[in-house]
Amino acid sequence: MIEFEKKMQKMLEKFSMQKNIKHAIAGVENGSGTFRWVNAVGQADTDSIPMTENTPFFIASITKLYIATAIMKLYEDGQLNLDKSISNYLPENLIVNIHQLNGADYSNKITIQHLLSHSSGLPDWIEDRPKGGKSFVQRIENEEDRLITIEEVVEIVRENLSPHFPPQPLNSKHIKVRYSDTNFHLLMAIIENVTGKPLSEVFNELIYSPLELNNTFHPEQISNKNFLKPALVWNEDKPLSKPLLIQSFRDLYSTADDLLKFMKALVQGKLFKQQSTLQMMQHWNRFGLPKDKASLRQPGWPIEYGFGMMRFKLPRWLTPLKTIPELVGHTGSTGSWLFYCPEKDFYFCGTVDQVTAGAVPFRFVPKLLHTFG
């Protein structure tokens, strides 16, 4: 494996030399745990502190795997029903008129399953644009650093954005899916309402503590002395130094070691009581082709989506010389990734912490797979 490690290191260094990428980290581990490689390059922040394999980093939308896992554990425990309307789990004033399309109000038709699978049709409060305006992510550099609540997220969706399609009939063979962070913000609100506890406490009880994920934490815990200082996130050539806005996204910080440990536990059935629960998360629907500027920045075709989980496999006609094995897991808009390759029984994680690098995982991880031969 020494030659393989050299190849991975060279690839990592090459990726870190791309424009506006200040650091990179990547980890690989096999299913048996007999092989593990984690390495980092570059500077973690503006103080020339080096990026190391133990440096925590912002995992962005990989957090959706954790949210979906918590929802499915609550489902196993009988605390919620995936087929019931979200009106059973959220206050009426939060969801009223949240989904109005062509004169019809579908707000009470949205189920937890719709949110998990991105089949609700709800717009994305971060990426979608109001008519004649800019998206939140386009405005982020000029936004004041402030905390955005779930009530404001819903207000943005209700007042400024339009749904893309009605909540889909989930018993159909093929349904429309479109990526939307709004879905998972509502899921986090459901978790807190059902349990009566803050998200960090629920995640600690259901995920962190059982798996001993000692270096995974929430943005509001960033000043906790038990955790190492995380690497900076960059927006092109400027650090995204807006902690309250980052906290508003509610995505986690973690390390390569914790990410690999979590993904192995999820895939190997250690997080659920029944294997069928994981199988439910892997009921795939394919995203459509991008039709607007917002969807160009979001996961799209040929990616498929289950419950908080992606499947990435290029069609054979796009890779006629050498097929790329399928990958399941999730990526984040800051160039973060966490994947499992069933065919090779290998796990992959990493990031480049760059807001403009959402497509990096889909270039980097397949190249890693090619090194296996």
Protein backbone atom coordinates (compact mmCIF):
# COMPACT_ATOMS: atom_id res chain seq x y z
CA MET A 1 0.00 0.00 0.00
CA ILE A 2 3.03 2.31 0.20
CA GLU A 3 2.85 3.08 -3.51
CA PHE A 4 -0.88 3.76 -3.18
CA GLU A 5 -0.22 6.19 -0.32
CA LYS A 6 2.33 8.06 -2.42
CA LYS A 7 -0.19 8.42 -5.24
CA MET A 8 -2.86 9.72 -2.87
CA GLN A 9 -0.46 12.22 -1.35
CA LYS A 10 0.52 13.50 -4.78
CA MET A 11 -3.13 13.87 -5.78
CA LEU A 12 -3.92 15.74 -2.57
CA GLU A 13 -1.04 18.15 -3.07
CA LYS A 14 -2.08 18.75 -6.68
CA PHE A 15 -5.67 19.56 -5.67
CA SER A 16 -4.47 21.94 -2.96
CA MET A 17 -2.65 23.98 -5.63
CA GLN A 18 -5.88 24.94 -7.39
CA LYS A 19 -6.99 28.56 -7.35
CA ASN A 20 -8.25 29.84 -3.97
CA ILE A 21 -7.72 26.51 -2.17
CA LYS A 22 -5.70 27.21 0.97
CA HIS A 23 -5.66 23.71 2.43
CA ALA A 24 -6.97 20.19 1.88
CA ILE A 25 -7.42 17.02 3.87
CA ALA A 26 -8.35 13.52 2.73
CA GLY A 27 -8.88 10.21 4.48
CA VAL A 28 -9.25 6.64 3.24
CA GLU A 29 -10.00 3.48 5.21
CA ASN A 30 -11.03 -0.05 4.25
CA GLY A 31 -13.94 -1.90 5.77
CA SER A 32 -11.82 -4.22 7.90
CA GLY A 33 -9.79 -1.35 9.33
CA THR A 34 -6.50 -2.91 8.25
CA PHE A 35 -5.68 0.10 6.06
CA ARG A 36 -6.09 3.76 6.95
CA TRP A 37 -4.55 6.86 5.42
CA VAL A 38 -5.26 10.46 6.40
CA ASN A 39 -3.19 13.42 5.35
CA ALA A 40 -3.48 17.19 5.15
CA VAL A 41 -1.69 19.96 3.31
CA GLY A 42 -1.71 23.77 3.49
CA GLN A 43 -2.51 26.27 6.24
CA ALA A 44 -5.54 25.87 8.50
CA ASP A 45 -5.99 29.63 8.99
CA THR A 46 -4.46 33.02 8.31
CA ASP A 47 -1.93 32.63 11.14
CA SER A 48 0.09 30.04 9.17
CA ILE A 49 -1.01 27.22 11.48
CA PRO A 50 -0.58 24.04 9.42
CA MET A 51 -3.52 21.85 8.52
CA THR A 52 -3.10 18.44 10.16
CA GLU A 53 -5.01 15.18 10.11
CA ASN A 54 -6.51 16.10 13.50
CA THR A 55 -7.71 19.59 12.50
CA PRO A 56 -11.51 19.87 12.71
CA PHE A 57 -13.23 21.28 9.62
CA PHE A 58 -16.67 22.42 8.52
CA ILE A 59 -18.40 19.41 6.97
CA ALA A 60 -21.24 21.47 5.41
CA SER A 61 -24.07 19.31 3.99
CA ILE A 62 -22.49 16.04 5.04
CA THR A 63 -24.47 17.01 8.15
CA LYS A 64 -27.58 15.81 6.32
CA LEU A 65 -26.40 12.23 6.90
CA TYR A 66 -26.45 12.89 10.64
CA ILE A 67 -29.85 14.60 10.51
CA ALA A 68 -31.35 11.73 8.53
CA THR A 69 -29.77 9.19 10.91
CA ALA A 70 -31.32 10.94 13.91
CA ILE A 71 -34.73 11.06 12.19
CA MET A 72 -34.56 7.35 11.35
CA LYS A 73 -33.57 6.45 14.92
CA LEU A 74 -36.55 8.43 16.23
CA TYR A 75 -38.68 6.60 13.65
CA GLU A 76 -37.39 3.24 14.92
CA ASP A 77 -38.29 4.30 18.45
CA GLY A 78 -41.84 5.18 17.39
CA GLN A 79 -41.46 8.89 18.13
CA LEU A 80 -42.47 9.96 14.63
CA ASN A 81 -44.11 8.66 11.46
CA LEU A 82 -42.34 9.32 8.16
CA ASP A 83 -45.64 9.38 6.23
CA LYS A 84 -47.39 11.93 8.42
CA SER A 85 -47.67 15.61 7.61
CA ILE A 86 -45.05 17.85 9.19
CA SER A 87 -48.01 19.74 10.70
CA ASN A 88 -48.07 16.96 13.32
CA TYR A 89 -44.58 17.90 14.49
CA LEU A 90 -44.19 21.64 13.91
CA PRO A 91 -46.25 24.62 15.13
CA GLU A 92 -48.87 25.89 12.68
CA ASN A 93 -47.44 29.42 12.59
CA LEU A 94 -44.13 28.02 11.33
CA ILE A 95 -45.42 26.11 8.32
CA VAL A 96 -48.56 28.04 7.37
CA ASN A 97 -48.48 28.97 3.65
CA ILE A 98 -44.94 27.66 3.28
CA HIS A 99 -45.82 25.84 0.04
CA GLN A 100 -48.22 27.70 -2.25
CA LEU A 101 -48.11 26.92 -5.93
CA ASN A 102 -50.48 27.88 -8.75
CA GLY A 103 -53.21 28.91 -6.33
CA ALA A 104 -53.03 25.72 -4.26
CA ASP A 105 -51.66 25.40 -0.72
CA TYR A 106 -49.67 22.19 -0.21
CA SER A 107 -48.18 23.16 3.17
CA ASN A 108 -50.02 20.43 5.11
CA LYS A 109 -49.34 17.83 2.40
CA ILE A 110 -45.61 17.79 3.10
CA THR A 111 -44.47 14.73 5.05
CA ILE A 112 -41.21 13.92 6.83
CA GLN A 113 -40.43 11.55 3.97
CA HIS A 114 -40.77 14.43 1.50
CA LEU A 115 -38.22 16.42 3.46
CA LEU A 116 -35.77 13.53 3.76
CA SER A 117 -35.88 12.78 0.03
CA HIS A 118 -35.93 16.37 -1.29
CA SER A 119 -39.27 15.64 -2.94
CA SER A 120 -41.26 18.38 -1.18
CA GLY A 121 -40.73 20.94 -3.95
CA LEU A 122 -39.81 23.58 -1.37
CA PRO A 123 -37.28 26.17 -2.55
CA ASP A 124 -33.78 26.33 -1.09
CA TRP A 125 -33.50 29.32 1.24
CA ILE A 126 -29.73 29.52 0.61
CA GLU A 127 -29.37 28.99 -3.15
CA ASP A 128 -32.68 29.94 -4.77
CA ARG A 129 -33.15 33.50 -5.97
CA PRO A 130 -36.13 35.76 -5.44
CA LYS A 131 -37.45 37.25 -8.66
CA GLY A 132 -35.10 40.01 -9.76
CA GLY A 133 -32.86 39.53 -6.73
CA LYS A 134 -29.85 37.61 -5.46
CA SER A 135 -29.72 34.37 -3.50
CA PHE A 136 -28.61 34.33 0.12
CA VAL A 137 -25.28 32.72 -0.80
CA GLN A 138 -24.67 35.48 -3.36
CA ARG A 139 -25.27 38.09 -0.67
CA ILE A 140 -23.34 36.38 2.10
CA GLU A 141 -20.18 38.47 1.73
CA ASN A 142 -22.18 41.66 2.31
CA GLU A 143 -24.50 40.24 4.97
CA GLU A 144 -23.94 41.37 8.53
CA ASP A 145 -22.86 38.58 10.85
CA ARG A 146 -26.07 37.60 12.60
CA LEU A 147 -27.94 34.49 13.65
CA ILE A 148 -30.75 33.44 11.34
CA THR A 149 -33.50 31.48 13.10
CA ILE A 150 -35.72 28.78 11.66
CA GLU A 151 -38.57 31.33 11.76
CA GLU A 152 -36.59 33.65 9.47
CA VAL A 153 -35.63 30.77 7.17
CA VAL A 154 -39.32 29.95 6.76
CA GLU A 155 -40.16 33.62 6.25
CA ILE A 156 -37.58 33.86 3.45
CA VAL A 157 -39.15 30.83 1.77
CA ARG A 158 -42.72 31.99 2.31
CA GLU A 159 -42.34 35.61 1.24
CA ASN A 160 -39.49 35.67 -1.29
CA LEU A 161 -39.26 32.31 -3.04
CA SER A 162 -41.52 30.03 -5.08
CA PRO A 163 -41.88 26.24 -4.80
CA HIS A 164 -40.62 24.20 -7.74
CA PHE A 165 -43.32 21.51 -7.81
CA PRO A 166 -46.01 19.99 -5.56
CA PRO A 167 -45.02 17.41 -2.90
CA GLN A 168 -44.52 14.22 -4.87
CA PRO A 169 -46.65 11.04 -4.72
CA LEU A 170 -44.16 8.82 -2.92
CA ASN A 171 -45.71 5.57 -4.12
CA SER A 172 -44.77 6.42 -7.72
CA LYS A 173 -41.82 4.70 -9.37
CA HIS A 174 -40.22 7.95 -10.49
CA ILE A 175 -40.67 11.21 -8.64
CA LYS A 176 -39.22 14.70 -8.97
CA VAL A 177 -36.49 15.60 -6.52
CA ARG A 178 -34.70 18.91 -6.12
CA TYR A 179 -32.08 19.68 -3.49
CA SER A 180 -33.17 22.17 -0.83
CA ASP A 181 -31.57 23.05 2.49
CA THR A 182 -35.00 24.22 3.64
CA ASN A 183 -36.08 20.57 3.90
CA PHE A 184 -33.35 19.74 6.38
CA HIS A 185 -33.78 22.88 8.45
CA LEU A 186 -37.36 21.77 8.97
CA LEU A 187 -36.14 18.27 9.89
CA MET A 188 -33.84 19.74 12.54
CA ALA A 189 -36.78 21.69 13.94
CA ILE A 190 -38.81 18.46 14.02
CA ILE A 191 -36.03 16.64 15.92
CA GLU A 192 -35.94 19.38 18.54
CA ASN A 193 -39.73 19.59 18.85
CA VAL A 194 -40.22 15.83 19.14
CA THR A 195 -37.48 15.34 21.74
CA GLY A 196 -37.80 18.67 23.56
CA LYS A 197 -34.00 18.98 23.46
CA PRO A 198 -31.49 21.06 21.46
CA LEU A 199 -30.04 19.38 18.41
CA SER A 200 -26.55 19.09 19.90
CA GLU A 201 -27.90 17.16 22.88
CA VAL A 202 -29.96 14.82 20.69
CA PHE A 203 -27.02 14.11 18.38
CA ASN A 204 -24.79 13.46 21.37
CA GLU A 205 -27.23 10.92 22.80
CA LEU A 206 -28.05 9.17 19.52
CA ILE A 207 -24.78 9.38 17.59
CA TYR A 208 -21.71 10.99 19.18
CA SER A 209 -21.67 9.22 22.54
CA PRO A 210 -22.41 5.67 21.27
CA LEU A 211 -19.72 5.99 18.58
CA GLU A 212 -17.28 7.98 20.72
CA LEU A 213 -17.13 10.83 18.23
CA ASN A 214 -15.18 13.07 20.54
CA ASN A 215 -14.20 15.67 17.95
CA THR A 216 -17.54 16.34 16.27
CA PHE A 217 -19.30 19.50 17.38
CA HIS A 218 -21.81 22.19 16.46
CA PRO A 219 -20.91 25.78 15.46
CA GLU A 220 -22.23 27.17 18.74
CA GLN A 221 -19.73 24.93 20.57
CA ILE A 222 -16.71 26.27 18.66
CA SER A 223 -15.33 28.13 21.68
CA ASN A 224 -15.49 24.99 23.85
CA LYS A 225 -11.95 24.34 25.06
CA ASN A 226 -12.45 20.59 24.64
CA PHE A 227 -12.26 21.01 20.87
CA LEU A 228 -9.33 22.06 18.70
CA LYS A 229 -9.68 25.26 16.70
CA PRO A 230 -11.22 24.36 13.32
CA ALA A 231 -9.85 25.29 9.92
CA LEU A 232 -11.18 28.40 8.23
CA VAL A 233 -13.74 28.26 5.44
CA TRP A 234 -12.87 30.42 2.43
CA ASN A 235 -15.06 32.32 -0.05
CA GLU A 236 -12.71 32.59 -3.02
CA ASP A 237 -9.66 34.48 -1.67
CA LYS A 238 -11.30 35.73 1.53
CA PRO A 239 -11.90 33.85 4.80
CA LEU A 240 -15.57 33.48 5.68
CA SER A 241 -15.20 35.07 9.10
CA LYS A 242 -18.87 35.23 10.01
CA PRO A 243 -19.41 32.77 12.85
CA LEU A 244 -23.08 33.61 13.46
CA LEU A 245 -24.00 33.14 9.80
CA ILE A 246 -22.11 29.85 9.73
CA GLN A 247 -23.97 28.86 12.89
CA SER A 248 -27.23 29.64 11.08
CA PHE A 249 -26.51 26.90 8.53
CA ARG A 250 -26.44 24.48 11.51
CA ASP A 251 -23.84 22.25 9.87
CA LEU A 252 -21.24 20.42 11.93
CA TYR A 253 -17.50 20.52 12.45
CA SER A 254 -15.67 17.21 12.57
CA THR A 255 -12.38 15.48 11.87
CA ALA A 256 -11.41 12.92 9.26
CA ASP A 257 -11.19 10.23 11.92
CA ASP A 258 -14.68 10.95 13.29
CA LEU A 259 -16.20 11.09 9.81
CA LEU A 260 -14.78 7.71 8.84
CA LYS A 261 -15.89 6.23 12.15
CA PHE A 262 -19.45 7.55 11.66
CA MET A 263 -19.75 6.32 8.06
CA LYS A 264 -18.46 2.86 8.91
CA ALA A 265 -20.97 2.56 11.75
CA LEU A 266 -23.80 3.70 9.48
CA VAL A 267 -22.95 1.33 6.62
CA GLN A 268 -22.17 -1.64 8.88
CA GLY A 269 -25.53 -1.39 10.66
CA LYS A 270 -24.28 -0.25 14.07
CA LEU A 271 -26.54 2.79 14.34
CA PHE A 272 -29.93 1.20 13.75
CA LYS A 273 -31.87 -1.60 15.39
CA GLN A 274 -32.83 -3.11 12.03
CA GLN A 275 -30.95 -3.36 8.74
CA SER A 276 -34.17 -2.44 6.93
CA THR A 277 -33.86 1.10 8.34
CA LEU A 278 -30.67 1.70 6.38
CA GLN A 279 -32.32 0.14 3.33
CA MET A 280 -35.12 2.70 3.60
CA MET A 281 -32.52 5.46 3.39
CA GLN A 282 -31.29 3.96 0.12
CA HIS A 283 -34.47 4.22 -1.93
CA TRP A 284 -32.99 6.26 -4.78
CA ASN A 285 -34.44 8.95 -7.02
CA ARG A 286 -32.35 10.77 -9.61
CA PHE A 287 -32.02 14.55 -9.67
CA GLY A 288 -32.98 16.25 -12.91
CA LEU A 289 -30.72 18.25 -15.18
CA PRO A 290 -29.97 21.82 -13.99
CA LYS A 291 -32.52 24.28 -15.32
CA ASP A 292 -31.49 27.49 -13.56
CA LYS A 293 -28.43 29.11 -11.98
CA ALA A 294 -29.36 27.96 -8.47
CA SER A 295 -29.52 24.30 -9.49
CA LEU A 296 -26.09 24.58 -11.11
CA ARG A 297 -24.63 25.00 -7.61
CA GLN A 298 -26.68 22.19 -6.11
CA PRO A 299 -26.29 18.42 -6.42
CA GLY A 300 -27.93 17.39 -9.69
CA TRP A 301 -27.92 14.80 -12.46
CA PRO A 302 -26.61 12.06 -12.44
CA ILE A 303 -26.64 12.04 -8.62
CA GLU A 304 -29.44 10.05 -6.97
CA TYR A 305 -30.88 10.78 -3.54
CA GLY A 306 -32.42 8.62 -0.84
CA PHE A 307 -33.15 9.76 2.72
CA GLY A 308 -30.34 12.21 3.51
CA MET A 309 -27.95 10.14 1.42
CA MET A 310 -26.50 10.45 -2.10
CA ARG A 311 -25.55 7.81 -4.62
CA PHE A 312 -23.07 8.81 -7.30
CA LYS A 313 -22.38 6.59 -10.28
CA LEU A 314 -21.66 7.86 -13.76
CA PRO A 315 -23.54 6.15 -16.62
CA ARG A 316 -21.43 3.71 -18.62
CA TRP A 317 -21.62 5.87 -21.75
CA LEU A 318 -19.81 8.66 -19.87
CA THR A 319 -16.98 6.31 -18.81
CA PRO A 320 -16.54 3.91 -21.76
CA LEU A 321 -12.89 3.06 -21.00
CA LYS A 322 -13.14 2.38 -17.29
CA THR A 323 -16.25 2.37 -15.11
CA ILE A 324 -16.24 4.19 -11.79
CA PRO A 325 -17.74 2.13 -8.94
CA GLU A 326 -20.74 3.65 -7.22
CA LEU A 327 -20.30 5.83 -4.16
CA VAL A 328 -22.87 6.40 -1.40
CA GLY A 329 -22.69 9.15 1.19
CA HIS A 330 -22.84 12.92 0.93
CA THR A 331 -20.93 16.02 -0.10
CA GLY A 332 -20.96 19.63 1.02
CA SER A 333 -20.91 22.96 -0.81
CA THR A 334 -17.48 23.78 0.65
CA GLY A 335 -15.85 20.88 -1.20
CA SER A 336 -16.33 18.33 1.58
CA TRP A 337 -17.09 14.64 1.05
CA LEU A 338 -17.89 11.43 2.91
CA PHE A 339 -18.40 8.33 0.76
CA TYR A 340 -18.48 4.57 0.93
CA CYS A 341 -17.62 2.46 -2.12
CA PRO A 342 -19.42 -0.92 -1.76
CA GLU A 343 -17.53 -2.56 -4.61
CA LYS A 344 -14.11 -1.78 -3.11
CA ASP A 345 -15.25 -1.73 0.57
CA PHE A 346 -13.46 1.56 1.12
CA TYR A 347 -14.46 4.78 2.88
CA PHE A 348 -13.40 8.26 1.78
CA CYS A 349 -13.61 11.65 3.46
CA GLY A 350 -12.08 15.10 3.11
CA THR A 351 -12.51 18.77 2.29
CA VAL A 352 -10.93 21.81 0.68
CA ASP A 353 -13.02 24.31 2.73
CA GLN A 354 -13.82 26.54 -0.24
CA VAL A 355 -17.34 27.86 -0.86
CA THR A 356 -16.81 27.78 -4.63
CA ALA A 357 -15.54 24.16 -4.69
CA GLY A 358 -18.75 22.15 -4.39
CA ALA A 359 -17.85 20.02 -7.43
CA VAL A 360 -14.37 19.03 -6.17
CA PRO A 361 -15.45 15.75 -4.49
CA PHE A 362 -16.87 14.43 -7.76
CA ARG A 363 -13.51 14.98 -9.44
CA PHE A 364 -11.19 13.98 -6.62
CA VAL A 365 -12.77 10.79 -5.24
CA PRO A 366 -13.18 9.06 -8.64
CA LYS A 367 -9.49 9.73 -9.28
CA LEU A 368 -8.69 8.11 -5.95
CA LEU A 369 -10.74 5.09 -6.97
CA HIS A 370 -8.75 4.78 -10.19
CA THR A 371 -5.59 4.30 -8.15
CA PHE A 372 -7.02 0.98 -6.90
CA GLY A 373 -6.76 -0.45 -10.43
